[in-house]
Amino acid sequence: MATGTTYRTGDSPPQPGIPGGTERSRQPSRWLRNLVLLALLAAVLLLAWSWRGLREEALVSTSYGARVACACRFVSGQALGSCKGRIAVAGLGRTASFMMLSEDADARTVKASVPLLASQTATFAADRGCQLEPWAE
């Protein structure tokens, strides 16, 4: 059954429910999706390549942070919050900004940690001062 309407190549007949009838919904192009996937893959590879260096840097940062915070807290008697400022000015690198400090007042310990990378605990004893726990390899 002919309707008398002619369509050129690439045109489509009017679709019901779409104003104007000939507009189609535009989907994201494949090159944009592939570009995003390529960027994510590059980020994962960069993280995997630098993971060991980040872990070592985090171990040094948390060791320094635990030792300094322990001395600040239990030798100097300052609040743990004010001790964070001393660690921040030390220039410990890119992992220091993610360092978290916590204390156990009963055990007289301070724990410094960088999530997923490293943590270190320093313990205060009156006769020895603040000492780090041995590193677990």
N, C-alpha and C. Protein backbone atom coordinates (compact mmCIF):
# COMPACT_ATOMS: atom_id res chain seq x y z
N MET A 1 0.84 -1.16 0.00
CA MET A 1 0.00 0.00 0.00
C MET A 1 0.89 1.23 0.00
N ALA A 2 0.77 2.01 -0.99
CA ALA A 2 1.60 3.19 -1.17
C ALA A 2 0.91 4.39 -0.54
N THR A 3 1.68 5.19 0.17
CA THR A 3 1.11 6.36 0.83
C THR A 3 1.41 7.63 0.07
N GLY A 4 2.26 7.56 -0.88
CA GLY A 4 2.61 8.74 -1.64
C GLY A 4 3.77 9.51 -1.05
N THR A 5 4.30 9.07 0.10
CA THR A 5 5.44 9.73 0.72
C THR A 5 6.70 9.02 0.28
N THR A 6 7.66 9.80 -0.16
CA THR A 6 8.93 9.20 -0.57
C THR A 6 10.00 9.56 0.44
N TYR A 7 10.89 8.63 0.68
CA TYR A 7 11.99 8.83 1.62
C TYR A 7 13.30 8.71 0.87
N ARG A 8 14.24 9.59 1.23
CA ARG A 8 15.56 9.48 0.64
C ARG A 8 16.37 8.45 1.43
N THR A 9 17.47 8.00 0.85
CA THR A 9 18.32 7.03 1.53
C THR A 9 18.83 7.65 2.84
N GLY A 10 18.71 6.93 3.93
CA GLY A 10 19.15 7.41 5.24
C GLY A 10 18.02 8.02 6.04
N ASP A 11 16.93 8.41 5.39
CA ASP A 11 15.77 8.93 6.10
C ASP A 11 14.99 7.77 6.68
N SER A 12 14.25 8.06 7.69
CA SER A 12 13.41 7.03 8.27
C SER A 12 11.98 7.56 8.33
N PRO A 13 11.05 6.68 8.30
CA PRO A 13 9.65 7.13 8.39
C PRO A 13 9.39 7.73 9.76
N PRO A 14 8.36 8.55 9.88
CA PRO A 14 8.03 9.15 11.18
C PRO A 14 7.80 8.06 12.23
N GLN A 15 8.32 8.32 13.43
CA GLN A 15 8.16 7.37 14.52
C GLN A 15 7.13 7.89 15.50
N PRO A 16 6.23 7.06 15.93
CA PRO A 16 5.20 7.53 16.86
C PRO A 16 5.80 7.90 18.21
N GLY A 17 5.29 8.94 18.81
CA GLY A 17 5.72 9.34 20.14
C GLY A 17 6.87 10.33 20.13
N ILE A 18 7.43 10.63 18.97
CA ILE A 18 8.53 11.59 18.90
C ILE A 18 8.02 12.82 18.17
N PRO A 19 8.11 13.99 18.83
CA PRO A 19 7.64 15.20 18.16
C PRO A 19 8.44 15.42 16.87
N GLY A 20 7.77 15.78 15.82
CA GLY A 20 8.44 15.99 14.55
C GLY A 20 8.58 14.69 13.80
N GLY A 21 8.59 13.59 14.49
CA GLY A 21 8.55 12.29 13.88
C GLY A 21 9.84 11.73 13.37
N THR A 22 10.82 12.53 12.99
CA THR A 22 12.01 11.98 12.34
C THR A 22 13.25 12.01 13.22
N GLU A 23 13.19 12.63 14.40
CA GLU A 23 14.37 12.71 15.25
C GLU A 23 14.56 11.40 16.01
N ARG A 24 15.81 10.96 16.07
CA ARG A 24 16.13 9.76 16.83
C ARG A 24 16.90 10.19 18.08
N SER A 25 16.82 9.38 19.13
CA SER A 25 17.61 9.69 20.33
C SER A 25 19.07 9.39 20.02
N ARG A 26 19.94 10.33 20.39
CA ARG A 26 21.37 10.19 20.09
C ARG A 26 22.06 9.43 21.21
N GLN A 27 22.76 8.38 20.87
CA GLN A 27 23.51 7.60 21.84
C GLN A 27 24.95 8.10 21.85
N PRO A 28 25.64 7.95 22.99
CA PRO A 28 27.05 8.36 23.03
C PRO A 28 27.84 7.60 21.98
N SER A 29 28.75 8.31 21.37
CA SER A 29 29.52 7.68 20.31
C SER A 29 30.52 6.68 20.88
N ARG A 30 30.91 5.75 20.08
CA ARG A 30 31.82 4.69 20.51
C ARG A 30 33.20 5.24 20.81
N TRP A 31 33.64 6.24 20.06
CA TRP A 31 35.00 6.75 20.30
C TRP A 31 35.10 7.41 21.65
N LEU A 32 34.03 8.06 22.12
CA LEU A 32 34.05 8.68 23.45
C LEU A 32 34.11 7.60 24.52
N ARG A 33 33.32 6.54 24.37
CA ARG A 33 33.34 5.44 25.32
C ARG A 33 34.71 4.78 25.35
N ASN A 34 35.29 4.55 24.18
CA ASN A 34 36.62 3.93 24.12
C ASN A 34 37.69 4.83 24.71
N LEU A 35 37.54 6.14 24.54
CA LEU A 35 38.50 7.08 25.13
C LEU A 35 38.44 7.04 26.66
N VAL A 36 37.24 6.96 27.21
CA VAL A 36 37.08 6.87 28.67
C VAL A 36 37.67 5.56 29.18
N LEU A 37 37.40 4.46 28.49
CA LEU A 37 37.96 3.17 28.90
C LEU A 37 39.49 3.17 28.81
N LEU A 38 40.04 3.80 27.80
CA LEU A 38 41.49 3.89 27.66
C LEU A 38 42.10 4.72 28.78
N ALA A 39 41.44 5.81 29.16
CA ALA A 39 41.92 6.63 30.26
C ALA A 39 41.89 5.86 31.58
N LEU A 40 40.83 5.09 31.83
CA LEU A 40 40.75 4.29 33.04
C LEU A 40 41.84 3.21 33.07
N LEU A 41 42.08 2.58 31.94
CA LEU A 41 43.13 1.57 31.85
C LEU A 41 44.50 2.19 32.12
N ALA A 42 44.74 3.37 31.59
CA ALA A 42 46.02 4.06 31.82
C ALA A 42 46.18 4.41 33.30
N ALA A 43 45.10 4.83 33.95
CA ALA A 43 45.17 5.16 35.38
C ALA A 43 45.47 3.92 36.22
N VAL A 44 44.86 2.80 35.89
CA VAL A 44 45.10 1.55 36.62
C VAL A 44 46.55 1.10 36.42
N LEU A 45 47.04 1.17 35.21
CA LEU A 45 48.43 0.79 34.94
C LEU A 45 49.42 1.69 35.66
N LEU A 46 49.14 2.98 35.72
CA LEU A 46 50.01 3.92 36.43
C LEU A 46 50.03 3.62 37.92
N LEU A 47 48.86 3.32 38.49
CA LEU A 47 48.79 2.97 39.91
C LEU A 47 49.54 1.67 40.18
N ALA A 48 49.37 0.69 39.33
CA ALA A 48 50.08 -0.59 39.52
C ALA A 48 51.59 -0.41 39.41
N TRP A 49 52.01 0.45 38.49
CA TRP A 49 53.44 0.67 38.29
C TRP A 49 54.07 1.40 39.48
N SER A 50 53.33 2.31 40.12
CA SER A 50 53.90 3.09 41.22
C SER A 50 53.51 2.56 42.59
N TRP A 51 52.81 1.42 42.68
CA TRP A 51 52.31 0.91 43.96
C TRP A 51 53.44 0.64 44.95
N ARG A 52 54.52 0.01 44.51
CA ARG A 52 55.60 -0.32 45.45
C ARG A 52 56.25 0.94 46.02
N GLY A 53 56.49 1.92 45.18
CA GLY A 53 57.05 3.18 45.65
C GLY A 53 56.13 3.90 46.62
N LEU A 54 54.83 3.89 46.32
CA LEU A 54 53.86 4.50 47.23
C LEU A 54 53.84 3.78 48.57
N ARG A 55 53.92 2.45 48.53
CA ARG A 55 53.90 1.68 49.78
C ARG A 55 55.12 1.98 50.63
N GLU A 56 56.29 2.04 50.01
CA GLU A 56 57.51 2.35 50.76
C GLU A 56 57.47 3.77 51.33
N GLU A 57 56.99 4.71 50.53
CA GLU A 57 56.87 6.09 51.01
C GLU A 57 55.87 6.17 52.17
N ALA A 58 54.78 5.43 52.09
CA ALA A 58 53.79 5.42 53.15
C ALA A 58 54.35 4.80 54.43
N LEU A 59 55.18 3.78 54.29
CA LEU A 59 55.78 3.15 55.47
C LEU A 59 56.72 4.11 56.19
N VAL A 60 57.52 4.84 55.43
CA VAL A 60 58.41 5.83 56.04
C VAL A 60 57.60 6.95 56.68
N SER A 61 56.57 7.42 55.99
CA SER A 61 55.73 8.51 56.51
C SER A 61 55.02 8.12 57.79
N THR A 62 54.45 6.92 57.80
CA THR A 62 53.73 6.50 59.01
C THR A 62 54.68 6.24 60.17
N SER A 63 55.88 5.76 59.89
CA SER A 63 56.86 5.55 60.96
C SER A 63 57.26 6.88 61.59
N TYR A 64 57.56 7.85 60.73
CA TYR A 64 57.91 9.19 61.24
C TYR A 64 56.72 9.79 61.98
N GLY A 65 55.53 9.68 61.40
CA GLY A 65 54.35 10.26 62.01
C GLY A 65 54.03 9.66 63.36
N ALA A 66 54.13 8.34 63.49
CA ALA A 66 53.84 7.68 64.76
C ALA A 66 54.86 8.09 65.82
N ARG A 67 56.12 8.13 65.45
CA ARG A 67 57.18 8.49 66.40
C ARG A 67 57.05 9.93 66.89
N VAL A 68 56.84 10.87 65.96
CA VAL A 68 56.71 12.28 66.33
C VAL A 68 55.43 12.52 67.12
N ALA A 69 54.33 11.91 66.70
CA ALA A 69 53.06 12.09 67.42
C ALA A 69 53.12 11.49 68.82
N CYS A 70 53.81 10.37 68.97
CA CYS A 70 53.97 9.76 70.30
C CYS A 70 54.74 10.68 71.23
N ALA A 71 55.84 11.22 70.74
CA ALA A 71 56.64 12.13 71.57
C ALA A 71 55.87 13.41 71.87
N CYS A 72 55.16 13.92 70.89
CA CYS A 72 54.37 15.13 71.09
C CYS A 72 53.26 14.89 72.11
N ARG A 73 52.61 13.75 72.01
CA ARG A 73 51.47 13.46 72.88
C ARG A 73 51.88 13.07 74.29
N PHE A 74 52.82 12.14 74.43
CA PHE A 74 53.11 11.59 75.75
C PHE A 74 54.32 12.21 76.43
N VAL A 75 55.26 12.76 75.69
CA VAL A 75 56.41 13.44 76.31
C VAL A 75 56.07 14.90 76.55
N SER A 76 55.54 15.57 75.51
CA SER A 76 55.21 16.99 75.64
C SER A 76 53.85 17.22 76.27
N GLY A 77 52.97 16.23 76.25
CA GLY A 77 51.66 16.34 76.87
C GLY A 77 50.66 17.15 76.06
N GLN A 78 50.88 17.30 74.77
CA GLN A 78 49.95 18.07 73.93
C GLN A 78 48.84 17.16 73.41
N ALA A 79 47.79 17.80 72.93
CA ALA A 79 46.68 17.05 72.34
C ALA A 79 47.11 16.48 70.99
N LEU A 80 46.52 15.35 70.61
CA LEU A 80 46.90 14.69 69.36
C LEU A 80 46.62 15.58 68.15
N GLY A 81 45.58 16.38 68.23
CA GLY A 81 45.25 17.29 67.13
C GLY A 81 46.35 18.30 66.85
N SER A 82 46.99 18.81 67.89
CA SER A 82 48.08 19.77 67.68
C SER A 82 49.35 19.07 67.18
N CYS A 83 49.46 17.79 67.44
CA CYS A 83 50.62 17.04 66.96
C CYS A 83 50.57 16.81 65.46
N LYS A 84 49.36 16.79 64.88
CA LYS A 84 49.23 16.61 63.43
C LYS A 84 49.90 17.75 62.67
N GLY A 85 49.89 18.94 63.24
CA GLY A 85 50.53 20.09 62.61
C GLY A 85 52.04 19.92 62.50
N ARG A 86 52.65 19.31 63.48
CA ARG A 86 54.10 19.07 63.43
C ARG A 86 54.48 18.10 62.30
N ILE A 87 53.63 17.13 62.08
CA ILE A 87 53.90 16.15 61.03
C ILE A 87 53.66 16.78 59.65
N ALA A 88 52.66 17.65 59.56
CA ALA A 88 52.32 18.25 58.27
C ALA A 88 53.44 19.10 57.72
N VAL A 89 54.22 19.75 58.57
CA VAL A 89 55.30 20.62 58.09
C VAL A 89 56.58 19.86 57.80
N ALA A 90 56.59 18.56 58.01
CA ALA A 90 57.82 17.78 57.83
C ALA A 90 58.16 17.51 56.37
N GLY A 91 57.24 17.71 55.47
CA GLY A 91 57.50 17.45 54.05
C GLY A 91 57.71 15.98 53.75
N LEU A 92 56.76 15.16 54.13
CA LEU A 92 56.90 13.71 53.98
C LEU A 92 56.48 13.19 52.61
N GLY A 93 56.03 14.02 51.74
CA GLY A 93 55.67 13.56 50.41
C GLY A 93 54.18 13.42 50.21
N ARG A 94 53.84 12.75 49.12
CA ARG A 94 52.44 12.69 48.68
C ARG A 94 51.55 11.84 49.55
N THR A 95 52.09 10.90 50.32
CA THR A 95 51.24 10.05 51.14
C THR A 95 50.92 10.67 52.50
N ALA A 96 51.67 11.69 52.90
CA ALA A 96 51.46 12.29 54.22
C ALA A 96 50.09 12.96 54.33
N SER A 97 49.55 13.45 53.24
CA SER A 97 48.25 14.11 53.32
C SER A 97 47.12 13.12 53.62
N PHE A 98 47.35 11.83 53.42
CA PHE A 98 46.33 10.82 53.69
C PHE A 98 46.53 10.16 55.05
N MET A 99 47.55 10.57 55.81
CA MET A 99 47.87 9.93 57.08
C MET A 99 46.83 10.26 58.13
N MET A 100 46.44 9.22 58.89
CA MET A 100 45.51 9.38 60.00
C MET A 100 46.22 8.96 61.28
N LEU A 101 45.98 9.69 62.36
CA LEU A 101 46.57 9.38 63.65
C LEU A 101 45.48 8.97 64.63
N SER A 102 45.80 7.98 65.45
CA SER A 102 44.89 7.58 66.53
C SER A 102 45.74 7.18 67.72
N GLU A 103 45.14 7.32 68.91
CA GLU A 103 45.90 6.99 70.12
C GLU A 103 45.11 6.05 71.02
N ASP A 104 45.85 5.31 71.79
CA ASP A 104 45.29 4.48 72.85
C ASP A 104 45.93 4.98 74.13
N ALA A 105 45.19 5.81 74.88
CA ALA A 105 45.75 6.46 76.07
C ALA A 105 46.12 5.44 77.15
N ASP A 106 45.35 4.36 77.27
CA ASP A 106 45.65 3.35 78.29
C ASP A 106 46.95 2.62 78.00
N ALA A 107 47.17 2.24 76.75
CA ALA A 107 48.40 1.54 76.38
C ALA A 107 49.53 2.51 76.05
N ARG A 108 49.23 3.80 76.00
CA ARG A 108 50.19 4.86 75.67
C ARG A 108 50.85 4.60 74.31
N THR A 109 50.00 4.40 73.31
CA THR A 109 50.49 4.18 71.96
C THR A 109 49.81 5.16 71.00
N VAL A 110 50.51 5.45 69.92
CA VAL A 110 49.97 6.26 68.83
C VAL A 110 50.14 5.46 67.56
N LYS A 111 49.08 5.38 66.77
CA LYS A 111 49.12 4.65 65.51
C LYS A 111 48.93 5.64 64.37
N ALA A 112 49.83 5.60 63.41
CA ALA A 112 49.72 6.40 62.19
C ALA A 112 49.46 5.42 61.04
N SER A 113 48.51 5.76 60.18
CA SER A 113 48.20 4.86 59.08
C SER A 113 47.83 5.65 57.83
N VAL A 114 48.18 5.06 56.69
CA VAL A 114 47.74 5.52 55.38
C VAL A 114 46.90 4.37 54.84
N PRO A 115 45.61 4.59 54.63
CA PRO A 115 44.72 3.48 54.24
C PRO A 115 45.23 2.71 53.04
N LEU A 116 45.16 1.40 53.14
CA LEU A 116 45.53 0.42 52.10
C LEU A 116 47.02 0.34 51.83
N LEU A 117 47.84 1.17 52.47
CA LEU A 117 49.27 1.16 52.17
C LEU A 117 50.13 0.75 53.35
N ALA A 118 50.00 1.43 54.49
CA ALA A 118 50.89 1.14 55.62
C ALA A 118 50.30 1.67 56.92
N SER A 119 50.76 1.10 58.02
CA SER A 119 50.44 1.62 59.35
C SER A 119 51.62 1.30 60.26
N GLN A 120 51.80 2.15 61.26
CA GLN A 120 52.91 1.98 62.19
C GLN A 120 52.46 2.46 63.55
N THR A 121 52.92 1.80 64.60
CA THR A 121 52.56 2.14 65.97
C THR A 121 53.82 2.45 66.76
N ALA A 122 53.74 3.51 67.56
CA ALA A 122 54.82 3.87 68.48
C ALA A 122 54.28 3.78 69.90
N THR A 123 55.07 3.19 70.78
CA THR A 123 54.67 2.98 72.18
C THR A 123 55.58 3.78 73.09
N PHE A 124 54.96 4.44 74.09
CA PHE A 124 55.74 5.23 75.05
C PHE A 124 55.98 4.42 76.31
N ALA A 125 57.24 4.42 76.75
CA ALA A 125 57.62 3.84 78.04
C ALA A 125 58.47 4.89 78.75
N ALA A 126 58.24 5.07 80.04
CA ALA A 126 58.91 6.14 80.78
C ALA A 126 60.43 6.01 80.75
N ASP A 127 60.96 4.79 80.75
CA ASP A 127 62.41 4.61 80.78
C ASP A 127 63.05 4.63 79.39
N ARG A 128 62.27 4.42 78.32
CA ARG A 128 62.83 4.36 76.97
C ARG A 128 62.33 5.43 76.03
N GLY A 129 61.26 6.11 76.38
CA GLY A 129 60.67 7.10 75.47
C GLY A 129 59.75 6.40 74.48
N CYS A 130 59.62 6.99 73.30
CA CYS A 130 58.75 6.43 72.26
C CYS A 130 59.55 5.54 71.33
N GLN A 131 59.07 4.32 71.16
CA GLN A 131 59.74 3.37 70.26
C GLN A 131 58.73 2.80 69.28
N LEU A 132 59.19 2.62 68.04
CA LEU A 132 58.36 2.03 67.01
C LEU A 132 58.32 0.52 67.17
N GLU A 133 57.18 -0.05 66.78
CA GLU A 133 57.12 -1.50 66.71
C GLU A 133 57.94 -1.94 65.49
N PRO A 134 58.51 -3.14 65.53
CA PRO A 134 59.30 -3.61 64.37
C PRO A 134 58.43 -3.70 63.11
N TRP A 135 59.03 -3.42 61.97
CA TRP A 135 58.32 -3.52 60.70
C TRP A 135 58.07 -4.98 60.37
N ALA A 136 56.88 -5.24 59.91
CA ALA A 136 56.55 -6.59 59.45
C ALA A 136 56.80 -6.64 57.96
N GLU A 137 57.68 -7.51 57.52
CA GLU A 137 58.03 -7.59 56.10
C GLU A 137 57.10 -8.52 55.39
